[in-house]
C-alpha atoms as a PDB file:
ATOM      1  CA  UNK A   1     -29.540 -11.677   0.540  1.00  0.00           C
ATOM      2  CA  UNK A   2     -30.035 -13.199  -3.165  1.00  0.00           C
ATOM      3  CA  UNK A   3     -28.782 -16.981  -3.902  1.00  0.00           C
ATOM      4  CA  UNK A   4     -26.438 -14.525  -6.245  1.00  0.00           C
ATOM      5  CA  UNK A   5     -24.542 -13.699  -3.534  1.00  0.00           C
ATOM      6  CA  UNK A   6     -24.338 -17.431  -2.331  1.00  0.00           C
ATOM      7  CA  UNK A   7     -21.031 -19.110  -3.377  1.00  0.00           C
ATOM      8  CA  UNK A   8     -21.607 -22.707  -1.019  1.00  0.00           C
ATOM      9  CA  UNK A   9     -23.065 -23.299   2.014  1.00  0.00           C
ATOM     10  CA  UNK A  10     -21.648 -24.991   5.734  1.00  0.00           C
ATOM     11  CA  UNK A  11     -23.630 -26.477   8.226  1.00  0.00           C
ATOM     12  CA  UNK A  12     -20.671 -28.222   9.765  1.00  0.00           C
ATOM     13  CA  UNK A  13     -22.631 -31.719   9.153  1.00  0.00           C
ATOM     14  CA  UNK A  14     -20.885 -32.347   6.192  1.00  0.00           C
ATOM     15  CA  UNK A  15     -17.326 -34.602   6.917  1.00  0.00           C
ATOM     16  CA  UNK A  16     -16.507 -34.718   2.884  1.00  0.00           C
ATOM     17  CA  UNK A  17     -16.263 -30.675   2.826  1.00  0.00           C
ATOM     18  CA  UNK A  18     -14.273 -28.502   6.363  1.00  0.00           C
ATOM     19  CA  UNK A  19     -14.922 -24.589   6.465  1.00  0.00           C
ATOM     20  CA  UNK A  20     -11.427 -24.023   5.320  1.00  0.00           C
ATOM     21  CA  UNK A  21     -11.221 -25.913   1.882  1.00  0.00           C
ATOM     22  CA  UNK A  22     -14.510 -23.750   0.905  1.00  0.00           C
ATOM     23  CA  UNK A  23     -12.991 -20.559   2.158  1.00  0.00           C
ATOM     24  CA  UNK A  24     -10.289 -21.703  -0.127  1.00  0.00           C
ATOM     25  CA  UNK A  25     -12.273 -22.220  -3.293  1.00  0.00           C
ATOM     26  CA  UNK A  26     -14.057 -19.353  -2.529  1.00  0.00           C
ATOM     27  CA  UNK A  27     -10.638 -17.018  -2.049  1.00  0.00           C
ATOM     28  CA  UNK A  28      -9.412 -18.468  -5.404  1.00  0.00           C
ATOM     29  CA  UNK A  29     -12.579 -17.966  -7.239  1.00  0.00           C
ATOM     30  CA  UNK A  30     -13.234 -14.190  -6.199  1.00  0.00           C
ATOM     31  CA  UNK A  31      -9.411 -13.489  -7.293  1.00  0.00           C
ATOM     32  CA  UNK A  32     -10.721 -14.112 -10.423  1.00  0.00           C
ATOM     33  CA  UNK A  33     -14.182 -12.536 -11.238  1.00  0.00           C
ATOM     34  CA  UNK A  34     -13.986  -9.827  -8.417  1.00  0.00           C
ATOM     35  CA  UNK A  35     -11.888  -6.983 -10.126  1.00  0.00           C
ATOM     36  CA  UNK A  36     -11.603  -5.611  -6.644  1.00  0.00           C
ATOM     37  CA  UNK A  37     -10.681  -8.584  -4.917  1.00  0.00           C
ATOM     38  CA  UNK A  38      -7.944  -9.109  -7.414  1.00  0.00           C
ATOM     39  CA  UNK A  39      -6.428  -5.347  -6.821  1.00  0.00           C
ATOM     40  CA  UNK A  40      -6.116  -6.103  -2.905  1.00  0.00           C
ATOM     41  CA  UNK A  41      -4.888  -9.129  -3.420  1.00  0.00           C
ATOM     42  CA  UNK A  42      -1.989  -8.070  -5.548  1.00  0.00           C
ATOM     43  CA  UNK A  43      -1.514  -4.715  -3.626  1.00  0.00           C
ATOM     44  CA  UNK A  44      -0.142  -7.189  -0.846  1.00  0.00           C
ATOM     45  CA  UNK A  45       3.132  -7.515  -3.473  1.00  0.00           C
ATOM     46  CA  UNK A  46       4.119  -4.076  -2.316  1.00  0.00           C
ATOM     47  CA  UNK A  47       3.432  -2.882   1.339  1.00  0.00           C
ATOM     48  CA  UNK A  48       6.241  -2.443   3.348  1.00  0.00           C
ATOM     49  CA  UNK A  49       7.462  -4.223   6.696  1.00  0.00           C
ATOM     50  CA  UNK A  50       9.008  -2.637   9.208  1.00  0.00           C
ATOM     51  CA  UNK A  51      10.030  -4.956  13.265  1.00  0.00           C
ATOM     52  CA  UNK A  52      10.058  -1.945  15.625  1.00  0.00           C
ATOM     53  CA  UNK A  53      12.002  -3.555  18.986  1.00  0.00           C
ATOM     54  CA  UNK A  54      10.174  -2.097  22.114  1.00  0.00           C
ATOM     55  CA  UNK A  55      10.648  -2.365  26.012  1.00  0.00           C
ATOM     56  CA  UNK A  56      10.530  -6.065  26.220  1.00  0.00           C
ATOM     57  CA  UNK A  57       8.633  -6.823  23.245  1.00  0.00           C
ATOM     58  CA  UNK A  58       8.621  -5.827  19.335  1.00  0.00           C
ATOM     59  CA  UNK A  59       6.005  -5.018  16.989  1.00  0.00           C
ATOM     60  CA  UNK A  60       6.018  -5.369  13.226  1.00  0.00           C
ATOM     61  CA  UNK A  61       4.930  -2.035  11.171  1.00  0.00           C
ATOM     62  CA  UNK A  62       2.839  -2.453   8.137  1.00  0.00           C
ATOM     63  CA  UNK A  63       2.672  -0.022   5.248  1.00  0.00           C
ATOM     64  CA  UNK A  64      -0.626  -0.430   3.468  1.00  0.00           C
ATOM     65  CA  UNK A  65      -1.813   2.217   2.119  1.00  0.00           C
ATOM     66  CA  UNK A  66      -5.173   0.176   1.062  1.00  0.00           C
ATOM     67  CA  UNK A  67      -6.530   0.286   4.720  1.00  0.00           C
ATOM     68  CA  UNK A  68      -6.739   3.744   5.270  1.00  0.00           C
ATOM     69  CA  UNK A  69     -10.441   3.769   4.900  1.00  0.00           C
ATOM     70  CA  UNK A  70     -10.669   1.491   7.521  1.00  0.00           C
ATOM     71  CA  UNK A  71      -8.183   2.494   9.815  1.00  0.00           C
ATOM     72  CA  UNK A  72      -9.420   6.327   9.493  1.00  0.00           C
ATOM     73  CA  UNK A  73     -13.111   5.188   9.348  1.00  0.00           C
ATOM     74  CA  UNK A  74     -15.579   7.332  11.281  1.00  0.00           C
ATOM     75  CA  UNK A  75     -18.048   5.646  13.198  1.00  0.00           C
ATOM     76  CA  UNK A  76     -20.007   8.038  15.579  1.00  0.00           C
ATOM     77  CA  UNK A  77     -23.451   7.402  15.099  1.00  0.00           C
ATOM     78  CA  UNK A  78     -24.052  10.409  12.961  1.00  0.00           C
ATOM     79  CA  UNK A  79     -21.951   9.331   9.967  1.00  0.00           C
ATOM     80  CA  UNK A  80     -22.945   5.892  10.495  1.00  0.00           C
ATOM     81  CA  UNK A  81     -26.796   6.983   9.654  1.00  0.00           C
ATOM     82  CA  UNK A  82     -25.492   9.057   6.573  1.00  0.00           C
ATOM     83  CA  UNK A  83     -23.680   5.641   4.527  1.00  0.00           C
ATOM     84  CA  UNK A  84     -25.862   2.404   3.189  1.00  0.00           C
ATOM     85  CA  UNK A  85     -24.064  -0.485   5.182  1.00  0.00           C
ATOM     86  CA  UNK A  86     -21.458  -1.940   3.531  1.00  0.00           C
ATOM     87  CA  UNK A  87     -21.298  -5.318   5.192  1.00  0.00           C
ATOM     88  CA  UNK A  88     -25.152  -6.142   4.712  1.00  0.00           C
ATOM     89  CA  UNK A  89     -25.723  -8.191   1.798  1.00  0.00           C
ATOM     90  CA  UNK A  90     -28.100  -6.042  -0.206  1.00  0.00           C
ATOM     91  CA  UNK A  91     -25.231  -3.652  -0.325  1.00  0.00           C
ATOM     92  CA  UNK A  92     -22.731  -5.850  -1.605  1.00  0.00           C
ATOM     93  CA  UNK A  93     -20.584  -5.691  -4.558  1.00  0.00           C
ATOM     94  CA  UNK A  94     -22.323  -7.692  -7.305  1.00  0.00           C
ATOM     95  CA  UNK A  95     -19.736  -9.767  -7.479  1.00  0.00           C
ATOM     96  CA  UNK A  96     -18.934 -10.268  -4.280  1.00  0.00           C
ATOM     97  CA  UNK A  97     -20.288 -14.076  -2.957  1.00  0.00           C
ATOM     98  CA  UNK A  98     -19.805 -15.523   0.214  1.00  0.00           C
ATOM     99  CA  UNK A  99     -20.193 -19.104   2.416  1.00  0.00           C
ATOM    100  CA  UNK A 100     -23.351 -19.460   4.205  1.00  0.00           C
ATOM    101  CA  UNK A 101     -22.098 -20.953   7.636  1.00  0.00           C
ATOM    102  CA  UNK A 102     -24.670 -22.102   9.636  1.00  0.00           C
ATOM    103  CA  UNK A 103     -27.461 -20.099   8.225  1.00  0.00           C
ATOM    104  CA  UNK A 104     -26.931 -17.539  10.211  1.00  0.00           C
ATOM    105  CA  UNK A 105     -22.660 -15.531   8.613  1.00  0.00           C
ATOM    106  CA  UNK A 106     -21.983 -15.329   5.599  1.00  0.00           C
ATOM    107  CA  UNK A 107     -18.188 -15.619   5.161  1.00  0.00           C
ATOM    108  CA  UNK A 108     -16.736 -13.024   3.117  1.00  0.00           C
ATOM    109  CA  UNK A 109     -12.971 -11.995   1.161  1.00  0.00           C
ATOM    110  CA  UNK A 110     -11.881  -9.188   2.530  1.00  0.00           C
ATOM    111  CA  UNK A 111     -11.109  -6.550  -0.610  1.00  0.00           C
ATOM    112  CA  UNK A 112      -8.377  -4.545   1.291  1.00  0.00           C
ATOM    113  CA  UNK A 113      -6.919  -7.897   2.876  1.00  0.00           C
ATOM    114  CA  UNK A 114      -4.139  -7.339   5.516  1.00  0.00           C
ATOM    115  CA  UNK A 115      -3.027 -10.739   5.114  1.00  0.00           C
ATOM    116  CA  UNK A 116      -3.244 -13.398   2.063  1.00  0.00           C
ATOM    117  CA  UNK A 117      -6.447 -14.738   3.452  1.00  0.00           C
ATOM    118  CA  UNK A 118      -8.427 -12.206   5.065  1.00  0.00           C
ATOM    119  CA  UNK A 119     -11.165 -13.057   5.937  1.00  0.00           C
ATOM    120  CA  UNK A 120     -14.899 -11.023   6.889  1.00  0.00           C
ATOM    121  CA  UNK A 121     -17.376 -13.176   8.657  1.00  0.00           C
ATOM    122  CA  UNK A 122     -21.082 -10.992   8.773  1.00  0.00           C
ATOM    123  CA  UNK A 123     -24.086 -11.931  10.030  1.00  0.00           C
ATOM    124  CA  UNK A 124     -26.756 -12.463   7.781  1.00  0.00           C
ATOM    125  CA  UNK A 125     -28.765  -9.370   9.420  1.00  0.00           C
ATOM    126  CA  UNK A 126     -27.990  -5.728   9.952  1.00  0.00           C
ATOM    127  CA  UNK A 127     -27.441  -6.216  13.893  1.00  0.00           C
ATOM    128  CA  UNK A 128     -25.330  -4.169  15.971  1.00  0.00           C
ATOM    129  CA  UNK A 129     -21.891  -5.846  16.571  1.00  0.00           C
ATOM    130  CA  UNK A 130     -21.869  -7.092  20.322  1.00  0.00           C
ATOM    131  CA  UNK A 131     -20.123 -10.782  21.216  1.00  0.00           C
ATOM    132  CA  UNK A 132     -22.271 -11.603  23.924  1.00  0.00           C
ATOM    133  CA  UNK A 133     -24.853 -12.548  22.065  1.00  0.00           C
ATOM    134  CA  UNK A 134     -22.672 -15.082  19.066  1.00  0.00           C
ATOM    135  CA  UNK A 135     -19.441 -16.424  21.704  1.00  0.00           C
ATOM    136  CA  UNK A 136     -21.226 -19.765  20.904  1.00  0.00           C
ATOM    137  CA  UNK A 137     -20.777 -18.923  17.447  1.00  0.00           C
ATOM    138  CA  UNK A 138     -17.497 -17.568  18.258  1.00  0.00           C
ATOM    139  CA  UNK A 139     -16.393 -20.395  19.399  1.00  0.00           C
ATOM    140  CA  UNK A 140     -17.651 -22.771  16.709  1.00  0.00           C
ATOM    141  CA  UNK A 141     -16.303 -20.345  13.909  1.00  0.00           C
ATOM    142  CA  UNK A 142     -12.381 -21.250  15.337  1.00  0.00           C
ATOM    143  CA  UNK A 143     -13.154 -24.859  16.056  1.00  0.00           C
ATOM    144  CA  UNK A 144     -14.689 -24.681  12.313  1.00  0.00           C
ATOM    145  CA  UNK A 145     -11.915 -22.785  10.885  1.00  0.00           C
ATOM    146  CA  UNK A 146      -9.148 -25.052  12.510  1.00  0.00           C
ATOM    147  CA  UNK A 147      -5.501 -24.454  13.196  1.00  0.00           C
ATOM    148  CA  UNK A 148      -4.682 -22.282  10.321  1.00  0.00           C
ATOM    149  CA  UNK A 149      -6.917 -19.600  11.385  1.00  0.00           C
ATOM    150  CA  UNK A 150      -7.692 -16.970  14.221  1.00  0.00           C
ATOM    151  CA  UNK A 151     -10.873 -15.293  14.209  1.00  0.00           C
ATOM    152  CA  UNK A 152     -10.807 -12.149  15.697  1.00  0.00           C
ATOM    153  CA  UNK A 153     -13.570  -9.464  17.177  1.00  0.00           C
ATOM    154  CA  UNK A 154     -13.359  -5.899  17.958  1.00  0.00           C
ATOM    155  CA  UNK A 155     -15.685  -4.613  19.863  1.00  0.00           C
ATOM    156  CA  UNK A 156     -17.611  -1.815  18.793  1.00  0.00           C
ATOM    157  CA  UNK A 157     -16.255   0.974  20.357  1.00  0.00           C
ATOM    158  CA  UNK A 158     -12.368  -0.102  19.437  1.00  0.00           C
ATOM    159  CA  UNK A 159     -11.613  -1.321  15.894  1.00  0.00           C
ATOM    160  CA  UNK A 160     -15.114  -1.751  14.739  1.00  0.00           C
ATOM    161  CA  UNK A 161     -15.378   0.073  11.238  1.00  0.00           C
ATOM    162  CA  UNK A 162     -19.204  -1.038  10.748  1.00  0.00           C
ATOM    163  CA  UNK A 163     -20.185  -0.839  14.568  1.00  0.00           C
ATOM    164  CA  UNK A 164     -23.744  -1.098  13.161  1.00  0.00           C
ATOM    165  CA  UNK A 165     -23.361  -4.540  11.582  1.00  0.00           C
ATOM    166  CA  UNK A 166     -22.145  -7.643  13.254  1.00  0.00           C
ATOM    167  CA  UNK A 167     -19.044  -9.658  11.946  1.00  0.00           C
ATOM    168  CA  UNK A 168     -15.560 -11.450  13.191  1.00  0.00           C
ATOM    169  CA  UNK A 169     -12.771 -11.404  10.752  1.00  0.00           C
ATOM    170  CA  UNK A 170     -10.364 -14.453  10.432  1.00  0.00           C
ATOM    171  CA  UNK A 171      -6.747 -14.385   9.409  1.00  0.00           C
ATOM    172  CA  UNK A 172      -3.715 -17.060   8.825  1.00  0.00           C
ATOM    173  CA  UNK A 173      -2.923 -18.835  11.952  1.00  0.00           C
ATOM    174  CA  UNK A 174       0.525 -17.224  13.310  1.00  0.00           C
ATOM    175  CA  UNK A 175      -0.125 -13.915  11.280  1.00  0.00           C
ATOM    176  CA  UNK A 176      -0.511 -12.146  14.308  1.00  0.00           C
ATOM    177  CA  UNK A 177       2.534 -11.181  16.637  1.00  0.00           C
ATOM    178  CA  UNK A 178       0.875 -12.155  20.157  1.00  0.00           C
ATOM    179  CA  UNK A 179      -0.067 -15.295  18.994  1.00  0.00           C
ATOM    180  CA  UNK A 180       3.398 -16.432  18.812  1.00  0.00           C
ATOM    181  CA  UNK A 181       4.129 -14.612  22.584  1.00  0.00           C
ATOM    182  CA  UNK A 182       1.537 -16.205  23.789  1.00  0.00           C
ATOM    183  CA  UNK A 183       3.067 -19.588  23.553  1.00  0.00           C
ATOM    184  CA  UNK A 184       5.708 -17.618  25.180  1.00  0.00           C
ATOM    185  CA  UNK A 185       6.476 -19.958  28.657  1.00  0.00           C
ATOM    186  CA  UNK A 186       8.989 -16.900  29.576  1.00  0.00           C
ATOM    187  CA  UNK A 187       6.011 -14.703  29.470  1.00  0.00           C
ATOM    188  CA  UNK A 188       3.080 -16.591  30.628  1.00  0.00           C
ATOM    189  CA  UNK A 189       1.925 -16.128  33.883  1.00  0.00           C
ATOM    190  CA  UNK A 190      -1.290 -18.349  35.108  1.00  0.00           C
ATOM    191  CA  UNK A 191      -3.826 -16.067  37.467  1.00  0.00           C
ATOM    192  CA  UNK A 192      -6.489 -18.572  37.814  1.00  0.00           C
ATOM    193  CA  UNK A 193      -7.860 -21.944  37.084  1.00  0.00           C
ATOM    194  CA  UNK A 194     -11.592 -22.344  37.005  1.00  0.00           C
ATOM    195  CA  UNK A 195     -12.805 -26.282  36.507  1.00  0.00           C
ATOM    196  CA  UNK A 196     -10.956 -26.548  32.773  1.00  0.00           C
ATOM    197  CA  UNK A 197     -10.249 -23.005  31.985  1.00  0.00           C
ATOM    198  CA  UNK A 198      -6.445 -21.655  32.447  1.00  0.00           C
ATOM    199  CA  UNK A 199      -6.879 -18.120  32.827  1.00  0.00           C
ATOM    200  CA  UNK A 200      -3.695 -16.249  32.276  1.00  0.00           C
ATOM    201  CA  UNK A 201      -1.516 -13.504  31.170  1.00  0.00           C
ATOM    202  CA  UNK A 202       1.531 -12.140  29.300  1.00  0.00           C
ATOM    203  CA  UNK A 203       4.399 -10.240  31.741  1.00  0.00           C
ATOM    204  CA  UNK A 204       6.512  -7.303  30.828  1.00  0.00           C
ATOM    205  CA  UNK A 205       4.224  -7.641  27.418  1.00  0.00           C
ATOM    206  CA  UNK A 206       3.634  -3.382  26.908  1.00  0.00           C
ATOM    207  CA  UNK A 207      -0.148  -4.000  26.836  1.00  0.00           C
ATOM    208  CA  UNK A 208      -1.913  -6.116  29.590  1.00  0.00           C
ATOM    209  CA  UNK A 209      -3.929  -8.977  28.655  1.00  0.00           C
ATOM    210  CA  UNK A 210      -6.207 -11.788  28.926  1.00  0.00           C
ATOM    211  CA  UNK A 211      -5.087 -15.580  27.907  1.00  0.00           C
ATOM    212  CA  UNK A 212      -7.980 -18.126  28.102  1.00  0.00           C
ATOM    213  CA  UNK A 213      -7.717 -21.635  27.488  1.00  0.00           C
ATOM    214  CA  UNK A 214      -9.524 -24.871  27.461  1.00  0.00           C
ATOM    215  CA  UNK A 215     -10.077 -27.941  25.796  1.00  0.00           C
ATOM    216  CA  UNK A 216     -13.933 -27.436  26.518  1.00  0.00           C
ATOM    217  CA  UNK A 217     -15.924 -24.901  24.976  1.00  0.00           C
ATOM    218  CA  UNK A 218     -18.622 -24.498  27.269  1.00  0.00           C
ATOM    219  CA  UNK A 219     -16.650 -23.969  30.548  1.00  0.00           C
ATOM    220  CA  UNK A 220     -14.598 -21.409  28.134  1.00  0.00           C
ATOM    221  CA  UNK A 221     -17.956 -19.728  27.102  1.00  0.00           C
ATOM    222  CA  UNK A 222     -19.238 -19.210  30.345  1.00  0.00           C
ATOM    223  CA  UNK A 223     -15.494 -17.956  31.885  1.00  0.00           C
ATOM    224  CA  UNK A 224     -15.708 -15.323  29.176  1.00  0.00           C
ATOM    225  CA  UNK A 225     -18.724 -14.183  29.527  1.00  0.00           C
ATOM    226  CA  UNK A 226     -18.121 -13.718  33.280  1.00  0.00           C
ATOM    227  CA  UNK A 227     -15.171 -11.894  32.679  1.00  0.00           C
ATOM    228  CA  UNK A 228     -16.870  -9.546  30.060  1.00  0.00           C
ATOM    229  CA  UNK A 229     -19.766  -8.744  33.116  1.00  0.00           C
ATOM    230  CA  UNK A 230     -16.484  -8.362  35.736  1.00  0.00           C
ATOM    231  CA  UNK A 231     -14.881  -5.747  32.979  1.00  0.00           C
ATOM    232  CA  UNK A 232     -18.661  -4.163  32.339  1.00  0.00           C
ATOM    233  CA  UNK A 233     -19.305  -3.808  36.183  1.00  0.00           C
ATOM    234  CA  UNK A 234     -15.496  -2.496  36.417  1.00  0.00           C
ATOM    235  CA  UNK A 235     -16.221  -0.364  33.544  1.00  0.00           C
ATOM    236  CA  UNK A 236     -19.152   1.453  35.038  1.00  0.00           C
ATOM    237  CA  UNK A 237     -20.646   0.833  31.544  1.00  0.00           C
ATOM    238  CA  UNK A 238     -23.895  -0.306  30.243  1.00  0.00           C
ATOM    239  CA  UNK A 239     -23.257  -1.307  26.597  1.00  0.00           C
ATOM    240  CA  UNK A 240     -20.439  -3.787  25.430  1.00  0.00           C
ATOM    241  CA  UNK A 241     -17.310  -2.833  27.425  1.00  0.00           C
ATOM    242  CA  UNK A 242     -14.425  -2.081  25.122  1.00  0.00           C
ATOM    243  CA  UNK A 243     -12.568  -5.111  24.261  1.00  0.00           C
ATOM    244  CA  UNK A 244     -10.672  -6.745  21.537  1.00  0.00           C
ATOM    245  CA  UNK A 245     -10.483 -10.706  21.129  1.00  0.00           C
ATOM    246  CA  UNK A 246      -8.756 -13.252  19.218  1.00  0.00           C
ATOM    247  CA  UNK A 247      -9.548 -17.209  19.334  1.00  0.00           C
ATOM    248  CA  UNK A 248      -8.339 -20.346  18.001  1.00  0.00           C
ATOM    249  CA  UNK A 249      -8.951 -23.580  18.220  1.00  0.00           C
ATOM    250  CA  UNK A 250      -5.226 -26.327  17.668  1.00  0.00           C
ATOM    251  CA  UNK A 251      -4.305 -29.041  19.598  1.00  0.00           C
ATOM    252  CA  UNK A 252      -7.369 -29.833  20.359  1.00  0.00           C
ATOM    253  CA  UNK A 253      -8.218 -26.554  22.867  1.00  0.00           C
ATOM    254  CA  UNK A 254      -9.351 -23.388  22.564  1.00  0.00           C
ATOM    255  CA  UNK A 255      -6.815 -20.174  23.368  1.00  0.00           C
ATOM    256  CA  UNK A 256      -8.733 -16.867  23.865  1.00  0.00           C
ATOM    257  CA  UNK A 257      -7.324 -13.519  23.657  1.00  0.00           C
ATOM    258  CA  UNK A 258      -8.515 -10.755  25.396  1.00  0.00           C
ATOM    259  CA  UNK A 259      -7.487  -7.229  25.072  1.00  0.00           C
ATOM    260  CA  UNK A 260      -9.255  -5.001  27.604  1.00  0.00           C
ATOM    261  CA  UNK A 261      -9.522  -1.796  26.505  1.00  0.00           C
ATOM    262  CA  UNK A 262     -10.150   2.449  27.995  1.00  0.00           C
ATOM    263  CA  UNK A 263      -9.953   4.015  24.471  1.00  0.00           C
ATOM    264  CA  UNK A 264     -10.614   3.240  20.929  1.00  0.00           C
ATOM    265  CA  UNK A 265      -7.734   5.559  19.268  1.00  0.00           C
ATOM    266  CA  UNK A 266      -4.717   7.531  21.032  1.00  0.00           C
ATOM    267  CA  UNK A 267      -4.647  11.562  21.096  1.00  0.00           C
ATOM    268  CA  UNK A 268      -1.854  11.694  18.209  1.00  0.00           C
ATOM    269  CA  UNK A 269      -4.872  10.307  15.993  1.00  0.00           C
ATOM    270  CA  UNK A 270      -6.500  13.563  16.388  1.00  0.00           C
ATOM    271  CA  UNK A 271      -3.558  15.849  16.268  1.00  0.00           C
ATOM    272  CA  UNK A 272      -3.353  18.641  12.838  1.00  0.00           C
ATOM    273  CA  UNK A 273      -0.906  18.303  10.102  1.00  0.00           C
ATOM    274  CA  UNK A 274       2.340  16.875  10.816  1.00  0.00           C
ATOM    275  CA  UNK A 275       1.903  15.996  14.971  1.00  0.00           C
ATOM    276  CA  UNK A 276      -1.125  13.899  13.737  1.00  0.00           C
ATOM    277  CA  UNK A 277      -0.580   9.894  13.731  1.00  0.00           C
ATOM    278  CA  UNK A 278      -3.148   7.702  11.972  1.00  0.00           C
ATOM    279  CA  UNK A 279      -3.380   4.079  14.400  1.00  0.00           C
ATOM    280  CA  UNK A 280      -6.268   3.425  14.979  1.00  0.00           C
ATOM    281  CA  UNK A 281      -5.317   0.131  17.239  1.00  0.00           C
ATOM    282  CA  UNK A 282      -8.192  -2.877  16.471  1.00  0.00           C
ATOM    283  CA  UNK A 283      -7.293  -6.529  17.568  1.00  0.00           C
ATOM    284  CA  UNK A 284      -4.328  -6.682  14.698  1.00  0.00           C
ATOM    285  CA  UNK A 285      -2.758  -3.704  15.942  1.00  0.00           C
ATOM    286  CA  UNK A 286      -3.052  -4.493  19.569  1.00  0.00           C
ATOM    287  CA  UNK A 287      -1.803  -7.934  18.939  1.00  0.00           C
ATOM    288  CA  UNK A 288       1.146  -6.681  17.253  1.00  0.00           C
ATOM    289  CA  UNK A 289       0.869  -5.867  13.482  1.00  0.00           C
ATOM    290  CA  UNK A 290       0.118  -1.961  13.387  1.00  0.00           C
ATOM    291  CA  UNK A 291      -1.324  -1.086  10.096  1.00  0.00           C
ATOM    292  CA  UNK A 292       0.195   2.130   8.515  1.00  0.00           C
ATOM    293  CA  UNK A 293      -1.394   3.665   6.086  1.00  0.00           C
ATOM    294  CA  UNK A 294       0.135   6.592   5.352  1.00  0.00           C
ATOM    295  CA  UNK A 295       4.088   6.446   4.578  1.00  0.00           C
ATOM    296  CA  UNK A 296       5.005   9.053   6.936  1.00  0.00           C
ATOM    297  CA  UNK A 297       3.416   7.230   9.593  1.00  0.00           C
ATOM    298  CA  UNK A 298       5.117   3.903   8.975  1.00  0.00           C
ATOM    299  CA  UNK A 299       8.840   5.421   8.226  1.00  0.00           C
ATOM    300  CA  UNK A 300       8.014   7.536  11.775  1.00  0.00           C
ATOM    301  CA  UNK A 301       6.848   5.546  14.474  1.00  0.00           C
ATOM    302  CA  UNK A 302       9.557   4.996  17.300  1.00  0.00           C
ATOM    303  CA  UNK A 303       9.423   2.570  19.699  1.00  0.00           C
ATOM    304  CA  UNK A 304       8.815   4.554  22.497  1.00  0.00           C
ATOM    305  CA  UNK A 305       5.801   6.185  20.198  1.00  0.00           C
ATOM    306  CA  UNK A 306       4.638   3.171  20.095  1.00  0.00           C
ATOM    307  CA  UNK A 307       4.444   1.983  23.693  1.00  0.00           C
ATOM    308  CA  UNK A 308       3.001   5.329  24.687  1.00  0.00           C
ATOM    309  CA  UNK A 309      -0.037   4.508  22.532  1.00  0.00           C
ATOM    310  CA  UNK A 310      -0.554   1.065  23.961  1.00  0.00           C
ATOM    311  CA  UNK A 311      -0.708   1.906  27.688  1.00  0.00           C
ATOM    312  CA  UNK A 312      -2.933   4.869  26.585  1.00  0.00           C
ATOM    313  CA  UNK A 313      -5.473   2.606  25.150  1.00  0.00           C
ATOM    314  CA  UNK A 314      -5.293  -0.436  27.460  1.00  0.00           C
ATOM    315  CA  UNK A 315      -6.661  -1.305  30.787  1.00  0.00           C
ATOM    316  CA  UNK A 316      -3.912  -1.189  33.844  1.00  0.00           C
ATOM    317  CA  UNK A 317      -2.987  -4.291  35.360  1.00  0.00           C
ATOM    318  CA  UNK A 318      -4.656  -3.696  38.723  1.00  0.00           C
ATOM    319  CA  UNK A 319      -7.897  -3.982  36.505  1.00  0.00           C
ATOM    320  CA  UNK A 320      -6.574  -7.092  35.304  1.00  0.00           C
ATOM    321  CA  UNK A 321      -6.266  -8.796  38.293  1.00  0.00           C
ATOM    322  CA  UNK A 322      -9.735  -7.058  39.565  1.00  0.00           C
ATOM    323  CA  UNK A 323     -12.061  -8.568  36.903  1.00  0.00           C
ATOM    324  CA  UNK A 324     -10.229 -11.766  36.665  1.00  0.00           C
ATOM    325  CA  UNK A 325     -10.677 -12.223  40.728  1.00  0.00           C
ATOM    326  CA  UNK A 326     -14.379 -11.485  40.772  1.00  0.00           C
ATOM    327  CA  UNK A 327     -14.883 -13.892  37.869  1.00  0.00           C
END
């Protein structure tokens, strides 16, 4: 990493400047100095939106051609070895700059945004995508970005387009439908309480998830890591179990939304010709904002197809009960 790639630094010690303020300044500067980002932001003016009512829930479809590289990314080991890592500081475009946070992560503007104010938060070292060593950092970033942002994580086998490089992303608060649904008292069902951590799920939601809520970070981190271990044991894998996670901090408490997964992509993603549907669910999509880089899929996706995709890639309710019960 060179000094030219550092826009500013943040360590949380200065009360005079917040991470959201620095991020807003970064976005403003990069939009004027980096043509690729300016083009990406301008493309948001032309994206199309369509709401699809499903059985017990609804999703938003976003037609966003600029996301085709991410949605269709080849993430097999051979393909990853054959390309330079686009998240390493040394491979960033010369115009791209970031905020060095805690001397560990670089906050960057995403040049192919889904939202206005879409950031990628990359580790300064080229290390594999894995949440367990960075659960503390994940919660800290959510805290420091505050109520205006949600931080999310895609596991290396369920949505991360760079599984070889540790990173998070951040989006404006409330931009992903599950954030709204997570506070709907008609859906919320408490499964368990562990000291100051409440473990819940959402009923009649088309895919099974776990909510963790707590005002205390250390207890929340412990419960989260225990759940991850239980999921690993239930899945029978040594590596990280498949999962997408959203995290926010508002009203002096954290909320984590966990989507344990069984598959990265649905079968229709791999079909040929007109039968192919290019939907590759990551945290944003499984959270209810499905990104469709092709207009054919934007127009053609039906409620039944969406419900089927969610069922196919999500764990069943019994798995949720089992891993919560054993944590």
